[in-house]
């Protein structure tokens, strides 16, 4: 088990929890004839959420799209290990500022990306 596994699991769990809240709210906001149970969408979203480990970053993928990146090295000139970076593209993080740090647990997560 790697040092950051628990913290990374918490980060992924926060992403899923935010998606659950959004799915519940959006399902209840529609006309009753259009209502659909959000449980299957939530289960699918959760099953597609994954972390891919690289030398510099952990890429968080959501259904084939890059959600965010987590710095996975102590040798970054601008960021510290565990910093959460928004995705600039499928393969590149936005290196303008960290959106939080998985080790601090003091960050906001949206299933659509970090803020």
C-alpha atoms as a PDB file:
ATOM      1  CA  UNK A   1       0.000   0.000   0.000  1.00  0.00           C
ATOM      2  CA  UNK A   2       1.358   3.388  -0.965  1.00  0.00           C
ATOM      3  CA  UNK A   3       1.527   6.296   1.467  1.00  0.00           C
ATOM      4  CA  UNK A   4      -1.164   8.271  -0.336  1.00  0.00           C
ATOM      5  CA  UNK A   5      -3.688   5.432  -0.930  1.00  0.00           C
ATOM      6  CA  UNK A   6      -6.002   6.400   1.934  1.00  0.00           C
ATOM      7  CA  UNK A   7      -5.905  10.073   1.001  1.00  0.00           C
ATOM      8  CA  UNK A   8      -6.494   9.279  -2.667  1.00  0.00           C
ATOM      9  CA  UNK A   9      -9.440   7.040  -1.725  1.00  0.00           C
ATOM     10  CA  UNK A  10     -10.910   9.930   0.271  1.00  0.00           C
ATOM     11  CA  UNK A  11     -10.501  12.239  -2.730  1.00  0.00           C
ATOM     12  CA  UNK A  12     -12.267   9.764  -5.035  1.00  0.00           C
ATOM     13  CA  UNK A  13     -15.010   9.304  -2.444  1.00  0.00           C
ATOM     14  CA  UNK A  14     -15.547  13.098  -2.322  1.00  0.00           C
ATOM     15  CA  UNK A  15     -15.917  13.180  -6.112  1.00  0.00           C
ATOM     16  CA  UNK A  16     -18.525  10.390  -5.995  1.00  0.00           C
ATOM     17  CA  UNK A  17     -20.426  12.025  -3.113  1.00  0.00           C
ATOM     18  CA  UNK A  18     -20.679  15.283  -5.035  1.00  0.00           C
ATOM     19  CA  UNK A  19     -21.923  13.396  -8.103  1.00  0.00           C
ATOM     20  CA  UNK A  20     -24.540  11.617  -5.958  1.00  0.00           C
ATOM     21  CA  UNK A  21     -25.808  14.957  -4.666  1.00  0.00           C
ATOM     22  CA  UNK A  22     -25.995  16.380  -8.176  1.00  0.00           C
ATOM     23  CA  UNK A  23     -27.753  13.279  -9.556  1.00  0.00           C
ATOM     24  CA  UNK A  24     -30.308  13.305  -6.725  1.00  0.00           C
ATOM     25  CA  UNK A  25     -31.026  17.024  -7.141  1.00  0.00           C
ATOM     26  CA  UNK A  26     -31.302  16.823 -10.918  1.00  0.00           C
ATOM     27  CA  UNK A  27     -33.572  13.761 -10.800  1.00  0.00           C
ATOM     28  CA  UNK A  28     -35.938  15.439  -8.335  1.00  0.00           C
ATOM     29  CA  UNK A  29     -36.061  18.715 -10.233  1.00  0.00           C
ATOM     30  CA  UNK A  30     -37.768  17.227 -13.282  1.00  0.00           C
ATOM     31  CA  UNK A  31     -41.439  16.499 -13.819  1.00  0.00           C
ATOM     32  CA  UNK A  32     -42.583  13.259 -12.130  1.00  0.00           C
ATOM     33  CA  UNK A  33     -43.281  11.696 -15.535  1.00  0.00           C
ATOM     34  CA  UNK A  34     -39.648  12.292 -16.460  1.00  0.00           C
ATOM     35  CA  UNK A  35     -38.186  11.228 -13.107  1.00  0.00           C
ATOM     36  CA  UNK A  36     -35.572   8.516 -13.306  1.00  0.00           C
ATOM     37  CA  UNK A  37     -33.914   6.780 -10.417  1.00  0.00           C
ATOM     38  CA  UNK A  38     -30.371   8.192 -10.189  1.00  0.00           C
ATOM     39  CA  UNK A  39     -28.939   4.992  -8.650  1.00  0.00           C
ATOM     40  CA  UNK A  40     -27.867   3.408 -11.982  1.00  0.00           C
ATOM     41  CA  UNK A  41     -26.132   6.632 -13.099  1.00  0.00           C
ATOM     42  CA  UNK A  42     -24.370   6.909  -9.743  1.00  0.00           C
ATOM     43  CA  UNK A  43     -23.227   3.284  -9.905  1.00  0.00           C
ATOM     44  CA  UNK A  44     -21.950   3.750 -13.470  1.00  0.00           C
ATOM     45  CA  UNK A  45     -20.111   6.974 -12.572  1.00  0.00           C
ATOM     46  CA  UNK A  46     -18.497   5.341  -9.547  1.00  0.00           C
ATOM     47  CA  UNK A  47     -17.438   2.274 -11.536  1.00  0.00           C
ATOM     48  CA  UNK A  48     -15.809   4.440 -14.229  1.00  0.00           C
ATOM     49  CA  UNK A  49     -13.851   6.622 -11.790  1.00  0.00           C
ATOM     50  CA  UNK A  50     -10.231   5.530 -11.727  1.00  0.00           C
ATOM     51  CA  UNK A  51      -6.732   6.650 -10.875  1.00  0.00           C
ATOM     52  CA  UNK A  52      -3.817   6.074 -13.260  1.00  0.00           C
ATOM     53  CA  UNK A  53      -0.399   6.388 -11.664  1.00  0.00           C
ATOM     54  CA  UNK A  54       2.410   8.091 -13.540  1.00  0.00           C
ATOM     55  CA  UNK A  55       5.850   9.296 -12.470  1.00  0.00           C
ATOM     56  CA  UNK A  56       4.797  12.909 -11.860  1.00  0.00           C
ATOM     57  CA  UNK A  57       1.003  12.747 -11.577  1.00  0.00           C
ATOM     58  CA  UNK A  58      -1.894  10.543 -10.669  1.00  0.00           C
ATOM     59  CA  UNK A  59      -4.493  11.128 -13.380  1.00  0.00           C
ATOM     60  CA  UNK A  60      -8.095  10.881 -12.187  1.00  0.00           C
ATOM     61  CA  UNK A  61     -10.335   9.631 -14.988  1.00  0.00           C
ATOM     62  CA  UNK A  62     -14.099   9.784 -15.117  1.00  0.00           C
ATOM     63  CA  UNK A  63     -15.636   7.783 -17.936  1.00  0.00           C
ATOM     64  CA  UNK A  64     -12.658   8.285 -20.216  1.00  0.00           C
ATOM     65  CA  UNK A  65     -12.353  12.015 -19.475  1.00  0.00           C
ATOM     66  CA  UNK A  66      -9.605  13.526 -17.358  1.00  0.00           C
ATOM     67  CA  UNK A  67     -11.141  14.866 -14.147  1.00  0.00           C
ATOM     68  CA  UNK A  68      -8.030  16.117 -12.389  1.00  0.00           C
ATOM     69  CA  UNK A  69      -4.413  15.349 -11.591  1.00  0.00           C
ATOM     70  CA  UNK A  70      -2.691  14.802  -8.249  1.00  0.00           C
ATOM     71  CA  UNK A  71       1.004  15.608  -7.951  1.00  0.00           C
ATOM     72  CA  UNK A  72       2.797  12.326  -7.225  1.00  0.00           C
ATOM     73  CA  UNK A  73       6.348  13.517  -6.642  1.00  0.00           C
ATOM     74  CA  UNK A  74       8.366  15.549  -4.168  1.00  0.00           C
ATOM     75  CA  UNK A  75      10.506  16.879  -7.019  1.00  0.00           C
ATOM     76  CA  UNK A  76       8.075  19.336  -8.615  1.00  0.00           C
ATOM     77  CA  UNK A  77       9.449  22.886  -8.780  1.00  0.00           C
ATOM     78  CA  UNK A  78       6.051  24.547  -8.286  1.00  0.00           C
ATOM     79  CA  UNK A  79       3.791  22.125  -6.390  1.00  0.00           C
ATOM     80  CA  UNK A  80       4.042  19.791  -3.449  1.00  0.00           C
ATOM     81  CA  UNK A  81       3.122  16.126  -3.382  1.00  0.00           C
ATOM     82  CA  UNK A  82      -0.627  15.644  -3.100  1.00  0.00           C
ATOM     83  CA  UNK A  83      -1.596  18.957  -4.732  1.00  0.00           C
ATOM     84  CA  UNK A  84      -4.784  18.666  -6.797  1.00  0.00           C
ATOM     85  CA  UNK A  85      -4.561  20.207 -10.257  1.00  0.00           C
ATOM     86  CA  UNK A  86      -7.424  20.813 -12.627  1.00  0.00           C
ATOM     87  CA  UNK A  87      -7.188  19.052 -15.986  1.00  0.00           C
ATOM     88  CA  UNK A  88      -6.173  21.349 -18.845  1.00  0.00           C
ATOM     89  CA  UNK A  89      -6.571  18.504 -21.330  1.00  0.00           C
ATOM     90  CA  UNK A  90      -6.829  14.728 -21.286  1.00  0.00           C
ATOM     91  CA  UNK A  91      -3.091  14.380 -20.742  1.00  0.00           C
ATOM     92  CA  UNK A  92      -2.045  17.667 -19.139  1.00  0.00           C
ATOM     93  CA  UNK A  93      -2.813  19.324 -15.799  1.00  0.00           C
ATOM     94  CA  UNK A  94      -3.433  23.049 -15.446  1.00  0.00           C
ATOM     95  CA  UNK A  95      -0.302  24.207 -13.645  1.00  0.00           C
ATOM     96  CA  UNK A  96      -1.562  27.660 -12.683  1.00  0.00           C
ATOM     97  CA  UNK A  97      -2.527  26.847  -9.067  1.00  0.00           C
ATOM     98  CA  UNK A  98      -3.394  23.893  -6.856  1.00  0.00           C
ATOM     99  CA  UNK A  99      -7.081  23.348  -6.070  1.00  0.00           C
ATOM    100  CA  UNK A 100      -6.233  21.736  -2.742  1.00  0.00           C
ATOM    101  CA  UNK A 101      -4.080  18.947  -1.397  1.00  0.00           C
ATOM    102  CA  UNK A 102      -5.261  15.411  -0.687  1.00  0.00           C
ATOM    103  CA  UNK A 103      -3.177  15.322   2.501  1.00  0.00           C
ATOM    104  CA  UNK A 104      -4.793  18.474   3.940  1.00  0.00           C
ATOM    105  CA  UNK A 105      -8.397  17.308   3.402  1.00  0.00           C
ATOM    106  CA  UNK A 106      -9.399  20.978   3.250  1.00  0.00           C
ATOM    107  CA  UNK A 107     -10.622  21.282  -0.327  1.00  0.00           C
ATOM    108  CA  UNK A 108     -13.860  21.393  -2.276  1.00  0.00           C
ATOM    109  CA  UNK A 109     -14.617  18.843  -4.958  1.00  0.00           C
ATOM    110  CA  UNK A 110     -17.101  18.892  -7.803  1.00  0.00           C
ATOM    111  CA  UNK A 111     -17.655  15.812  -9.903  1.00  0.00           C
ATOM    112  CA  UNK A 112     -17.206  18.035 -12.956  1.00  0.00           C
ATOM    113  CA  UNK A 113     -13.719  18.988 -11.808  1.00  0.00           C
ATOM    114  CA  UNK A 114     -11.921  20.708  -8.986  1.00  0.00           C
ATOM    115  CA  UNK A 115     -12.389  24.351  -8.097  1.00  0.00           C
END
